[in-house]
Amino acid sequence: MKLLLDENLSRRLVPFLQHDYPGTSHVVLLGLESASDRDVWLTAQSEGYVIVTRDADFQELSLVWGQPPKVIWLRTFNPSKSVTLSALIDNSQAIMESLLGSDLACVEILP
């Protein structure tokens, strides 16, 4: 499973996520800086990414447009890189089981 990190997340997380999520990228690295949510959605859909975000926007889009792509919605209160990294790595098994093993369109990661 490869992740596409939204603009609200640090692109410095990408190298640290490669072990657990090979092929992970960031919207800026794909030339999508300041792109619309629709453009990010369509890129994730066509390139097989799961979108990772702190905003409710992509969760709401998953209800309207369906899937793919799937969405990981980080609901953590501390936006630091270390907290975000821990949330994604510590929950990687549950994330994969939830998104790959079921028809869920969005997984919420709570603190």
C-alpha atoms as a PDB file:
ATOM      1  CA  MET A   1       0.000   0.000   0.000  1.00  0.00           C
ATOM      2  CA  LYS A   2       1.455   3.341  -1.022  1.00  0.00           C
ATOM      3  CA  LEU A   3       0.382   6.563   0.606  1.00  0.00           C
ATOM      4  CA  LEU A   4      -0.064  10.044  -0.799  1.00  0.00           C
ATOM      5  CA  LEU A   5       0.463  12.618   1.927  1.00  0.00           C
ATOM      6  CA  ASP A   6      -1.700  15.710   1.689  1.00  0.00           C
ATOM      7  CA  GLU A   7      -0.234  19.224   1.816  1.00  0.00           C
ATOM      8  CA  ASN A   8      -1.106  19.515   5.502  1.00  0.00           C
ATOM      9  CA  LEU A   9       1.498  16.837   6.311  1.00  0.00           C
ATOM     10  CA  SER A  10       5.260  17.215   6.125  1.00  0.00           C
ATOM     11  CA  ARG A  11       6.974  15.859   3.029  1.00  0.00           C
ATOM     12  CA  ARG A  12       9.905  14.973   5.306  1.00  0.00           C
ATOM     13  CA  LEU A  13       7.867  11.975   6.464  1.00  0.00           C
ATOM     14  CA  VAL A  14       8.119  10.261   3.072  1.00  0.00           C
ATOM     15  CA  PRO A  15      11.537   8.547   3.532  1.00  0.00           C
ATOM     16  CA  PHE A  16      10.564   7.259   6.977  1.00  0.00           C
ATOM     17  CA  LEU A  17       7.380   5.632   5.632  1.00  0.00           C
ATOM     18  CA  GLN A  18       9.016   3.732   2.756  1.00  0.00           C
ATOM     19  CA  HIS A  19       9.651   0.569   4.799  1.00  0.00           C
ATOM     20  CA  ASP A  20       6.031   0.135   5.876  1.00  0.00           C
ATOM     21  CA  TYR A  21       4.419   1.830   2.866  1.00  0.00           C
ATOM     22  CA  PRO A  22       6.706   1.423  -0.189  1.00  0.00           C
ATOM     23  CA  GLY A  23       6.086   3.932  -2.948  1.00  0.00           C
ATOM     24  CA  THR A  24       4.715   6.595  -0.612  1.00  0.00           C
ATOM     25  CA  SER A  25       4.905  10.181  -1.859  1.00  0.00           C
ATOM     26  CA  HIS A  26       3.741  13.685  -1.062  1.00  0.00           C
ATOM     27  CA  VAL A  27       1.550  15.980  -3.171  1.00  0.00           C
ATOM     28  CA  VAL A  28       4.402  18.491  -3.516  1.00  0.00           C
ATOM     29  CA  LEU A  29       6.752  15.786  -4.808  1.00  0.00           C
ATOM     30  CA  LEU A  30       4.190  14.946  -7.499  1.00  0.00           C
ATOM     31  CA  GLY A  31       3.829  18.560  -8.612  1.00  0.00           C
ATOM     32  CA  LEU A  32       0.440  18.972  -6.931  1.00  0.00           C
ATOM     33  CA  GLU A  33       1.344  21.845  -4.621  1.00  0.00           C
ATOM     34  CA  SER A  34      -1.762  24.023  -4.193  1.00  0.00           C
ATOM     35  CA  ALA A  35      -3.739  21.614  -6.395  1.00  0.00           C
ATOM     36  CA  SER A  36      -7.453  21.255  -5.842  1.00  0.00           C
ATOM     37  CA  ASP A  37      -8.772  18.362  -3.793  1.00  0.00           C
ATOM     38  CA  ARG A  38     -10.261  16.996  -7.010  1.00  0.00           C
ATOM     39  CA  ASP A  39      -6.862  16.967  -8.736  1.00  0.00           C
ATOM     40  CA  VAL A  40      -5.250  15.234  -5.751  1.00  0.00           C
ATOM     41  CA  TRP A  41      -8.143  12.741  -5.691  1.00  0.00           C
ATOM     42  CA  LEU A  42      -7.825  11.953  -9.409  1.00  0.00           C
ATOM     43  CA  THR A  43      -4.047  11.521  -9.159  1.00  0.00           C
ATOM     44  CA  ALA A  44      -4.403   9.182  -6.178  1.00  0.00           C
ATOM     45  CA  GLN A  45      -7.084   7.252  -8.035  1.00  0.00           C
ATOM     46  CA  SER A  46      -5.100   6.831 -11.239  1.00  0.00           C
ATOM     47  CA  GLU A  47      -1.779   6.032  -9.527  1.00  0.00           C
ATOM     48  CA  GLY A  48      -3.085   3.686  -6.810  1.00  0.00           C
ATOM     49  CA  TYR A  49      -2.416   5.829  -3.748  1.00  0.00           C
ATOM     50  CA  VAL A  50      -4.222   5.941  -0.421  1.00  0.00           C
ATOM     51  CA  ILE A  51      -4.634   9.589   0.602  1.00  0.00           C
ATOM     52  CA  VAL A  52      -3.425  10.561   4.088  1.00  0.00           C
ATOM     53  CA  THR A  53      -4.794  13.812   5.494  1.00  0.00           C
ATOM     54  CA  ARG A  54      -5.667  15.736   8.647  1.00  0.00           C
ATOM     55  CA  ASP A  55      -8.669  17.404   6.977  1.00  0.00           C
ATOM     56  CA  ALA A  56     -12.193  16.079   6.740  1.00  0.00           C
ATOM     57  CA  ASP A  57     -12.365  17.097   3.067  1.00  0.00           C
ATOM     58  CA  PHE A  58     -11.131  13.806   1.630  1.00  0.00           C
ATOM     59  CA  GLN A  59     -13.262  11.745   3.993  1.00  0.00           C
ATOM     60  CA  GLU A  60     -16.276  13.696   2.761  1.00  0.00           C
ATOM     61  CA  LEU A  61     -15.216  13.207  -0.864  1.00  0.00           C
ATOM     62  CA  SER A  62     -15.004   9.457  -0.279  1.00  0.00           C
ATOM     63  CA  LEU A  63     -18.682   9.530   0.712  1.00  0.00           C
ATOM     64  CA  VAL A  64     -19.640  11.486  -2.413  1.00  0.00           C
ATOM     65  CA  TRP A  65     -17.320  10.015  -5.062  1.00  0.00           C
ATOM     66  CA  GLY A  66     -16.751   6.540  -3.642  1.00  0.00           C
ATOM     67  CA  GLN A  67     -13.504   4.692  -3.987  1.00  0.00           C
ATOM     68  CA  PRO A  68     -10.757   4.367  -5.055  1.00  0.00           C
ATOM     69  CA  PRO A  69      -8.833   6.062  -3.639  1.00  0.00           C
ATOM     70  CA  LYS A  70      -9.173   5.165  -0.015  1.00  0.00           C
ATOM     71  CA  VAL A  71      -8.422   7.671   2.742  1.00  0.00           C
ATOM     72  CA  ILE A  72      -6.577   7.661   6.056  1.00  0.00           C
ATOM     73  CA  TRP A  73      -7.876  10.538   8.168  1.00  0.00           C
ATOM     74  CA  LEU A  74      -5.472  11.431  10.978  1.00  0.00           C
ATOM     75  CA  ARG A  75      -7.460  12.851  13.861  1.00  0.00           C
ATOM     76  CA  THR A  76      -4.432  13.345  16.119  1.00  0.00           C
ATOM     77  CA  PHE A  77      -4.319  16.586  18.068  1.00  0.00           C
ATOM     78  CA  ASN A  78      -0.551  16.983  17.914  1.00  0.00           C
ATOM     79  CA  PRO A  79       0.534  17.729  14.333  1.00  0.00           C
ATOM     80  CA  SER A  80       4.230  17.032  14.934  1.00  0.00           C
ATOM     81  CA  LYS A  81       6.099  14.837  12.490  1.00  0.00           C
ATOM     82  CA  SER A  82       6.956  12.274  15.169  1.00  0.00           C
ATOM     83  CA  VAL A  83       3.330  11.867  16.268  1.00  0.00           C
ATOM     84  CA  THR A  84       2.173  11.539  12.656  1.00  0.00           C
ATOM     85  CA  LEU A  85       4.898   9.026  11.858  1.00  0.00           C
ATOM     86  CA  SER A  86       4.080   6.966  14.950  1.00  0.00           C
ATOM     87  CA  ALA A  87       0.368   7.003  14.161  1.00  0.00           C
ATOM     88  CA  LEU A  88       0.965   5.631  10.667  1.00  0.00           C
ATOM     89  CA  ILE A  89       3.646   3.079  11.547  1.00  0.00           C
ATOM     90  CA  ASP A  90       2.194   1.842  14.851  1.00  0.00           C
ATOM     91  CA  ASN A  91      -1.190   1.328  13.180  1.00  0.00           C
ATOM     92  CA  SER A  92       0.070  -0.003   9.849  1.00  0.00           C
ATOM     93  CA  GLN A  93      -1.303  -3.514  10.351  1.00  0.00           C
ATOM     94  CA  ALA A  94      -4.748  -2.260  11.363  1.00  0.00           C
ATOM     95  CA  ILE A  95      -4.763   0.265   8.518  1.00  0.00           C
ATOM     96  CA  MET A  96      -3.941  -2.394   5.949  1.00  0.00           C
ATOM     97  CA  GLU A  97      -6.484  -4.840   7.331  1.00  0.00           C
ATOM     98  CA  SER A  98      -9.172  -2.153   7.380  1.00  0.00           C
ATOM     99  CA  LEU A  99      -8.533  -0.788   3.909  1.00  0.00           C
ATOM    100  CA  LEU A 100      -7.469  -3.913   2.048  1.00  0.00           C
ATOM    101  CA  GLY A 101      -9.550  -6.485   3.881  1.00  0.00           C
ATOM    102  CA  SER A 102     -12.857  -4.656   3.749  1.00  0.00           C
ATOM    103  CA  ASP A 103     -14.860  -2.250   1.669  1.00  0.00           C
ATOM    104  CA  LEU A 104     -14.123   0.726   3.931  1.00  0.00           C
ATOM    105  CA  ALA A 105     -13.373   3.915   2.060  1.00  0.00           C
ATOM    106  CA  CYS A 106     -11.857   5.767   5.021  1.00  0.00           C
ATOM    107  CA  VAL A 107     -10.019   4.840   8.196  1.00  0.00           C
ATOM    108  CA  GLU A 108      -9.814   7.329  11.044  1.00  0.00           C
ATOM    109  CA  ILE A 109      -6.743   7.266  13.249  1.00  0.00           C
ATOM    110  CA  LEU A 110      -7.616   8.698  16.644  1.00  0.00           C
ATOM    111  CA  PRO A 111      -5.178   9.661  19.403  1.00  0.00           C
END
